[in-house]
Amino acid sequence: MRCPECHSIVSAKSRRDVCGGLIVSETDAESMHIDAASDEYLGNGKQNSSVEATVRFHIPFRALFAMVMAAVFIAVIVTWVGGLLRGEYIKDSKTFPDEGIERYLLANVDKNGDGYLSNAEKLDVRSVSGLGEYGVKSLKGIETFSNLETIDASNAGVESLWREPWMESESLGKVTTINLSGNPLLSCLIPSGSCKNILSLDISNCQLKSFTIGKENHGDELTVDLQQLESLNCSNNQLTGELVVNASHLRVLNCANNQLKTIEFKTEGGFLTGSPTPQELKEFYCQNNRLVRVGENFEDLGGYSFYLDNLTAFDISNNPSIGISEDGTYLVSIK
């Protein structure tokens, strides 16, 4: 490089020329310029201290603010992910509006005691029973247990089921046994889309005036329309009118101690072309009703299309308008 004074060529490492002038490199000049600018900005004395304090204050504050915001964001993400992993918070859940159900879940389903229901805990539920000691009044929410097989809510004080009449059907496809006996139920609606694989249903000793099983209907009917149903107990209720049963695999029917007038069995075929009585029906109890007809009434044949051949146990006592034929094979009208 050249000396700025005498313009002689000197080494880049030399600090002075032959003329004695100080050699300043471009890098040194830039550094000196920055230092001078800093001195001019900061000044001396109180001005220097004030500006330095200001600089020292603002830089850490911004960094701290950014760190706090990052921490909050991370906390939100962790909480959200943690909530997904832990599952549904039981005490603040709209799925289980009944406080009794909440107490039951905390005591019997929440295995790790964290107050949440994880998917694994839900899938592990195969049976629901012993609800009486928890004061359960509504079964709303149990439809979330997709592996549920048995519902035993007998004598628990249950007033409403998992499905209200105005709601869409909810599937409990693996449930095979339901016991709702001894509850203050006025009606029982289990449509075809809910619990479609029921084998045994006990709705005895309630206050039922109507029930609809396996059929979408909100009216005051007594209808059973489940082909796979094997056992139905609807005794000791307040049932009146006609009970219609369409269940070809029904083995046990107990409708005793009501005020039924007729019982209609719908089976494949008819009196002349097929069996009018469910072939698998073995036990039939309808005592203490007001029955005038069981099965289709064929006046020209002098009897009913309900035969007793396949029955191993039955009781039709205290029904003043029906009796058994002389040969003991079918029911007849007593006029």
Protein backbone atom coordinates (compact mmCIF):
# COMPACT_ATOMS: atom_id res chain seq x y z
CA MET A 1 0.00 0.00 0.00
CA ARG A 2 1.04 3.67 -0.35
CA CYS A 3 1.89 6.20 2.32
CA PRO A 4 -0.74 8.99 2.35
CA GLU A 5 2.03 11.57 2.92
CA CYS A 6 4.87 10.72 0.52
CA HIS A 7 3.06 8.16 -1.60
CA SER A 8 5.89 5.64 -1.17
CA ILE A 9 5.06 1.96 -1.49
CA VAL A 10 5.38 0.23 1.89
CA SER A 11 4.70 -3.24 3.28
CA ALA A 12 1.17 -4.02 4.48
CA LYS A 13 2.64 -4.99 7.90
CA SER A 14 4.59 -1.74 8.36
CA ARG A 15 3.08 0.86 10.67
CA ARG A 16 5.30 3.81 9.50
CA ASP A 17 6.67 4.99 6.11
CA VAL A 18 10.15 6.21 5.39
CA CYS A 19 8.89 9.70 6.00
CA GLY A 20 7.83 8.78 9.52
CA GLY A 21 4.06 9.05 8.86
CA LEU A 22 1.66 6.63 10.58
CA ILE A 23 0.26 4.03 8.26
CA VAL A 24 -3.45 3.17 8.87
CA SER A 25 -5.04 0.21 7.09
CA GLU A 26 -8.62 0.24 5.82
CA THR A 27 -9.64 -2.15 8.58
CA ASP A 28 -8.09 0.04 11.27
CA ALA A 29 -9.73 3.12 9.76
CA GLU A 30 -13.13 1.47 9.84
CA SER A 31 -12.57 0.43 13.48
CA MET A 32 -11.51 3.94 14.46
CA HIS A 33 -14.58 5.37 12.72
CA ILE A 34 -16.91 3.08 14.69
CA ASP A 35 -15.17 3.93 17.99
CA ALA A 36 -15.43 7.64 17.27
CA ALA A 37 -19.10 7.31 16.42
CA SER A 38 -19.67 5.42 19.67
CA ASP A 39 -17.87 8.10 21.67
CA GLU A 40 -19.84 10.83 19.97
CA TYR A 41 -23.13 9.00 20.67
CA LEU A 42 -22.40 8.07 24.24
CA GLY A 43 -20.55 11.23 25.27
CA ASN A 44 -18.97 11.47 28.69
CA GLY A 45 -20.04 11.70 32.31
CA LYS A 46 -23.77 11.63 33.09
CA GLN A 47 -24.79 11.54 29.44
CA ASN A 48 -22.63 8.49 28.89
CA SER A 49 -23.97 6.75 32.00
CA SER A 50 -27.60 7.52 31.09
CA VAL A 51 -27.37 6.24 27.56
CA GLU A 52 -25.37 3.20 28.65
CA ALA A 53 -28.01 2.41 31.28
CA THR A 54 -30.71 2.84 28.68
CA VAL A 55 -28.99 0.48 26.29
CA ARG A 56 -28.34 -2.02 29.03
CA PHE A 57 -32.05 -1.87 30.07
CA HIS A 58 -33.78 -2.16 26.71
CA ILE A 59 -31.83 -5.02 25.26
CA PRO A 60 -32.42 -7.45 28.18
CA PHE A 61 -36.12 -6.45 28.42
CA ARG A 62 -36.79 -7.32 24.80
CA ALA A 63 -34.97 -10.58 25.16
CA LEU A 64 -36.88 -11.35 28.36
CA PHE A 65 -40.21 -10.53 26.68
CA ALA A 66 -39.39 -12.83 23.79
CA MET A 67 -38.42 -15.58 26.22
CA VAL A 68 -41.67 -15.17 28.18
CA MET A 69 -43.78 -15.30 25.02
CA ALA A 70 -41.93 -18.39 23.87
CA ALA A 71 -42.45 -20.01 27.26
CA VAL A 72 -46.18 -19.23 27.16
CA PHE A 73 -46.48 -20.66 23.67
CA ILE A 74 -44.62 -23.81 24.68
CA ALA A 75 -46.81 -24.16 27.80
CA VAL A 76 -49.97 -23.89 25.72
CA ILE A 77 -48.72 -26.52 23.29
CA VAL A 78 -47.63 -28.83 26.10
CA THR A 79 -50.99 -28.43 27.85
CA TRP A 80 -52.90 -29.10 24.64
CA VAL A 81 -50.83 -32.15 23.77
CA GLY A 82 -51.00 -33.32 27.37
CA GLY A 83 -54.78 -33.00 27.30
CA LEU A 84 -54.95 -35.11 24.17
CA LEU A 85 -52.75 -37.74 25.74
CA ARG A 86 -54.55 -37.74 29.09
CA GLY A 87 -58.02 -37.76 27.54
CA GLU A 88 -61.29 -36.30 28.74
CA TYR A 89 -61.48 -34.40 32.03
CA ILE A 90 -64.22 -36.18 33.95
CA LYS A 91 -65.42 -33.41 36.28
CA ASP A 92 -65.64 -30.84 33.51
CA SER A 93 -67.11 -33.08 30.84
CA LYS A 94 -70.28 -32.43 28.89
CA THR A 95 -70.28 -36.08 27.92
CA PHE A 96 -71.21 -37.16 31.46
CA PRO A 97 -73.68 -34.59 32.83
CA ASP A 98 -74.73 -36.78 35.77
CA GLU A 99 -72.67 -36.27 38.93
CA GLY A 100 -73.30 -39.86 39.98
CA ILE A 101 -71.74 -41.14 36.76
CA GLU A 102 -68.74 -38.87 37.39
CA ARG A 103 -68.25 -40.41 40.83
CA TYR A 104 -68.59 -43.88 39.36
CA LEU A 105 -66.01 -43.18 36.65
CA LEU A 106 -63.51 -41.68 39.08
CA ALA A 107 -63.81 -44.73 41.33
CA ASN A 108 -63.97 -47.51 38.74
CA VAL A 109 -62.75 -46.40 35.33
CA ASP A 110 -60.04 -43.81 36.02
CA LYS A 111 -57.34 -46.37 36.75
CA ASN A 112 -54.41 -43.98 37.21
CA GLY A 113 -56.40 -41.49 39.29
CA ASP A 114 -55.51 -38.41 37.22
CA GLY A 115 -59.14 -37.29 36.77
CA TYR A 116 -59.06 -37.94 33.03
CA LEU A 117 -60.46 -40.68 30.83
CA SER A 118 -57.94 -41.76 28.24
CA ASN A 119 -58.89 -43.70 25.12
CA ALA A 120 -57.24 -46.78 26.59
CA GLU A 121 -59.34 -46.49 29.76
CA LYS A 122 -62.52 -46.09 27.71
CA LEU A 123 -61.74 -49.13 25.58
CA ASP A 124 -61.06 -51.16 28.71
CA VAL A 125 -64.67 -50.79 29.94
CA ARG A 126 -66.54 -54.05 29.30
CA SER A 127 -69.16 -53.85 32.04
CA VAL A 128 -70.99 -51.16 33.98
CA SER A 129 -72.55 -52.23 37.28
CA GLY A 130 -73.06 -51.21 40.91
CA LEU A 131 -74.35 -47.75 40.02
CA GLY A 132 -76.75 -47.52 42.97
CA GLU A 133 -74.12 -46.58 45.56
CA TYR A 134 -73.06 -43.56 43.48
CA GLY A 135 -76.51 -42.01 43.11
CA VAL A 136 -76.64 -42.32 39.33
CA LYS A 137 -79.81 -40.86 37.80
CA SER A 138 -78.82 -40.68 34.14
CA LEU A 139 -76.79 -43.06 31.99
CA LYS A 140 -75.94 -40.35 29.46
CA GLY A 141 -72.40 -40.78 28.25
CA ILE A 142 -71.93 -44.54 28.53
CA GLU A 143 -72.31 -44.72 24.75
CA THR A 144 -68.68 -43.53 24.57
CA PHE A 145 -67.54 -46.95 25.82
CA SER A 146 -67.46 -48.73 22.49
CA ASN A 147 -66.40 -52.10 23.98
CA LEU A 148 -69.19 -52.17 26.56
CA GLU A 149 -70.91 -55.57 26.70
CA THR A 150 -73.00 -55.53 29.90
CA ILE A 151 -75.07 -52.75 31.47
CA ASP A 152 -76.36 -53.60 34.95
CA ALA A 153 -78.16 -50.58 36.36
CA SER A 154 -80.67 -52.49 38.46
CA ASN A 155 -82.14 -50.70 41.48
CA ALA A 156 -79.90 -47.69 40.94
CA GLY A 157 -82.50 -44.91 40.84
CA VAL A 158 -81.94 -44.29 37.13
CA GLU A 159 -84.51 -41.92 35.65
CA SER A 160 -83.19 -41.56 32.10
CA LEU A 161 -81.12 -43.69 29.73
CA TRP A 162 -78.13 -42.83 27.54
CA ARG A 163 -80.42 -41.69 24.76
CA GLU A 164 -83.16 -39.10 25.00
CA PRO A 165 -86.13 -39.45 22.58
CA TRP A 166 -85.09 -36.41 20.55
CA MET A 167 -81.48 -37.51 20.03
CA GLU A 168 -80.01 -39.40 17.12
CA SER A 169 -79.27 -43.07 17.65
CA GLU A 170 -76.03 -43.87 19.39
CA SER A 171 -74.40 -47.20 18.83
CA LEU A 172 -73.49 -49.62 21.60
CA GLY A 173 -72.98 -52.41 19.15
CA LYS A 174 -71.26 -54.86 21.51
CA VAL A 175 -73.82 -54.70 24.33
CA THR A 176 -75.60 -58.04 24.77
CA THR A 177 -77.08 -57.73 28.28
CA ILE A 178 -79.04 -54.84 29.79
CA ASN A 179 -80.62 -54.88 33.25
CA LEU A 180 -82.66 -51.79 34.09
CA SER A 181 -84.99 -53.43 36.61
CA GLY A 182 -86.16 -51.60 39.71
CA ASN A 183 -85.66 -48.07 38.36
CA PRO A 184 -88.23 -45.23 38.23
CA LEU A 185 -88.44 -45.33 34.43
CA LEU A 186 -91.68 -44.20 32.79
CA SER A 187 -90.59 -45.15 29.28
CA CYS A 188 -87.78 -47.06 27.63
CA LEU A 189 -86.62 -46.29 24.11
CA ILE A 190 -83.83 -48.39 22.63
CA PRO A 191 -83.91 -47.87 18.85
CA SER A 192 -82.47 -50.12 16.19
CA GLY A 193 -79.26 -48.09 15.92
CA SER A 194 -78.48 -48.44 19.62
CA CYS A 195 -77.61 -51.76 21.28
CA LYS A 196 -78.64 -53.64 18.17
CA ASN A 197 -77.12 -56.90 19.42
CA ILE A 198 -79.03 -57.19 22.69
CA LEU A 199 -79.68 -60.78 23.72
CA SER A 200 -81.15 -60.18 27.18
CA LEU A 201 -83.22 -57.19 28.36
CA ASP A 202 -84.71 -56.79 31.83
CA ILE A 203 -86.99 -53.78 32.36
CA SER A 204 -89.10 -55.30 35.12
CA ASN A 205 -90.27 -53.65 38.34
CA CYS A 206 -90.12 -50.15 36.94
CA GLN A 207 -92.97 -47.72 36.33
CA LEU A 208 -93.11 -48.27 32.60
CA LYS A 209 -96.17 -47.28 30.67
CA SER A 210 -94.53 -47.77 27.28
CA PHE A 211 -91.37 -49.08 25.67
CA THR A 212 -90.00 -49.40 22.15
CA ILE A 213 -87.14 -51.81 21.55
CA GLY A 214 -85.39 -52.06 18.19
CA LYS A 215 -87.61 -49.60 16.37
CA GLU A 216 -87.43 -45.85 15.80
CA ASN A 217 -90.57 -44.63 17.48
CA HIS A 218 -91.27 -41.94 20.04
CA GLY A 219 -94.93 -42.77 20.65
CA ASP A 220 -96.62 -44.68 23.44
CA GLU A 221 -96.19 -48.15 22.04
CA LEU A 222 -95.22 -51.56 23.33
CA THR A 223 -93.03 -52.88 20.54
CA VAL A 224 -90.14 -55.32 20.41
CA ASP A 225 -88.47 -55.63 17.02
CA LEU A 226 -85.14 -57.39 17.54
CA GLN A 227 -84.70 -60.71 15.79
CA GLN A 228 -81.71 -61.75 17.90
CA LEU A 229 -83.33 -60.99 21.28
CA GLU A 230 -83.47 -64.13 23.43
CA SER A 231 -84.92 -62.96 26.74
CA LEU A 232 -87.33 -60.13 27.64
CA ASN A 233 -88.62 -59.41 31.13
CA CYS A 234 -91.11 -56.54 31.32
CA SER A 235 -93.12 -57.80 34.29
CA ASN A 236 -94.47 -55.70 37.16
CA ASN A 237 -95.04 -52.46 35.27
CA GLN A 238 -98.01 -50.37 34.22
CA LEU A 239 -98.30 -51.66 30.67
CA THR A 240 -101.70 -51.57 28.99
CA GLY A 241 -103.04 -52.31 25.50
CA GLU A 242 -101.22 -54.49 22.98
CA LEU A 243 -97.70 -55.85 23.15
CA VAL A 244 -96.21 -56.56 19.71
CA VAL A 245 -93.23 -58.92 19.62
CA ASN A 246 -91.14 -59.56 16.51
CA ALA A 247 -88.21 -61.64 17.74
CA SER A 248 -87.76 -65.01 16.07
CA HIS A 249 -85.03 -66.13 18.53
CA LEU A 250 -86.96 -65.25 21.68
CA ARG A 251 -86.64 -67.99 24.31
CA VAL A 252 -88.09 -66.32 27.42
CA LEU A 253 -90.92 -63.77 27.67
CA ASN A 254 -92.13 -62.54 31.04
CA CYS A 255 -94.83 -59.86 30.92
CA ALA A 256 -96.68 -60.85 34.09
CA ASN A 257 -98.42 -58.42 36.44
CA ASN A 258 -99.44 -55.73 33.98
CA GLN A 259 -102.73 -54.76 32.36
CA LEU A 260 -102.12 -56.08 28.87
CA LYS A 261 -105.11 -56.94 26.69
CA THR A 262 -103.41 -58.61 23.75
CA ILE A 263 -100.02 -60.04 22.84
CA GLU A 264 -99.18 -60.23 19.17
CA PHE A 265 -96.32 -62.41 17.90
CA LYS A 266 -95.02 -61.67 14.44
CA THR A 267 -93.18 -64.60 12.90
CA GLU A 268 -92.32 -65.67 9.41
CA GLY A 269 -95.20 -67.36 7.65
CA GLY A 270 -98.67 -67.57 9.22
CA PHE A 271 -101.20 -69.96 10.65
CA LEU A 272 -101.35 -72.07 7.49
CA THR A 273 -97.92 -71.46 5.93
CA GLY A 274 -95.58 -71.27 8.88
CA SER A 275 -95.19 -71.36 12.63
CA PRO A 276 -97.30 -68.66 14.34
CA THR A 277 -95.36 -69.07 17.59
CA PRO A 278 -91.63 -68.29 17.90
CA GLN A 279 -89.99 -71.69 17.44
CA GLU A 280 -87.39 -71.05 20.14
CA LEU A 281 -89.82 -69.75 22.77
CA LYS A 282 -89.56 -72.05 25.79
CA GLU A 283 -90.81 -69.97 28.73
CA PHE A 284 -93.87 -67.73 28.65
CA TYR A 285 -95.30 -65.91 31.69
CA CYS A 286 -98.27 -63.60 31.31
CA GLN A 287 -100.24 -64.14 34.53
CA ASN A 288 -102.20 -61.34 36.18
CA ASN A 289 -103.13 -59.39 33.07
CA ARG A 290 -106.38 -58.68 31.24
CA LEU A 291 -105.60 -60.74 28.18
CA VAL A 292 -108.35 -61.52 25.69
CA ARG A 293 -106.03 -62.61 22.89
CA VAL A 294 -102.56 -64.07 22.43
CA GLY A 295 -101.51 -64.39 18.81
CA GLU A 296 -103.80 -64.03 15.80
CA ASN A 297 -107.42 -64.87 16.41
CA PHE A 298 -108.92 -67.23 13.84
CA GLU A 299 -112.58 -67.30 14.80
CA ASP A 300 -113.43 -69.79 12.07
CA LEU A 301 -110.96 -72.26 13.53
CA GLY A 302 -112.21 -71.76 17.04
CA GLY A 303 -108.91 -70.82 18.60
CA TYR A 304 -105.72 -68.84 18.52
CA SER A 305 -102.57 -69.26 16.51
CA PHE A 306 -100.46 -69.45 19.66
CA TYR A 307 -99.47 -73.02 20.32
CA LEU A 308 -98.00 -74.46 23.51
CA ASP A 309 -96.17 -77.40 21.95
CA ASN A 310 -92.68 -75.98 22.30
CA LEU A 311 -93.10 -74.46 25.75
CA THR A 312 -91.38 -76.00 28.75
CA ALA A 313 -92.75 -73.48 31.27
CA PHE A 314 -95.67 -71.06 31.06
CA ASP A 315 -98.23 -69.34 33.27
CA ILE A 316 -101.40 -67.71 31.98
CA SER A 317 -103.27 -67.66 35.29
CA ASN A 318 -105.59 -64.84 36.32
CA ASN A 319 -106.45 -63.87 32.78
CA PRO A 320 -110.22 -64.42 32.82
CA SER A 321 -110.69 -64.23 29.04
CA ILE A 322 -108.18 -66.84 27.83
CA GLY A 323 -107.68 -70.53 28.52
CA ILE A 324 -106.14 -73.73 27.17
CA SER A 325 -107.80 -75.96 24.62
CA GLU A 326 -109.05 -79.40 25.64
CA ASP A 327 -106.11 -81.14 24.02
CA GLY A 328 -103.69 -78.73 25.73
CA THR A 329 -102.02 -77.57 22.54
CA TYR A 330 -103.12 -73.95 22.13
CA LEU A 331 -104.81 -71.00 23.81
CA VAL A 332 -108.53 -70.37 23.41
CA SER A 333 -110.91 -67.53 24.11
CA ILE A 334 -113.20 -67.88 27.09
CA LYS A 335 -116.44 -66.03 26.42
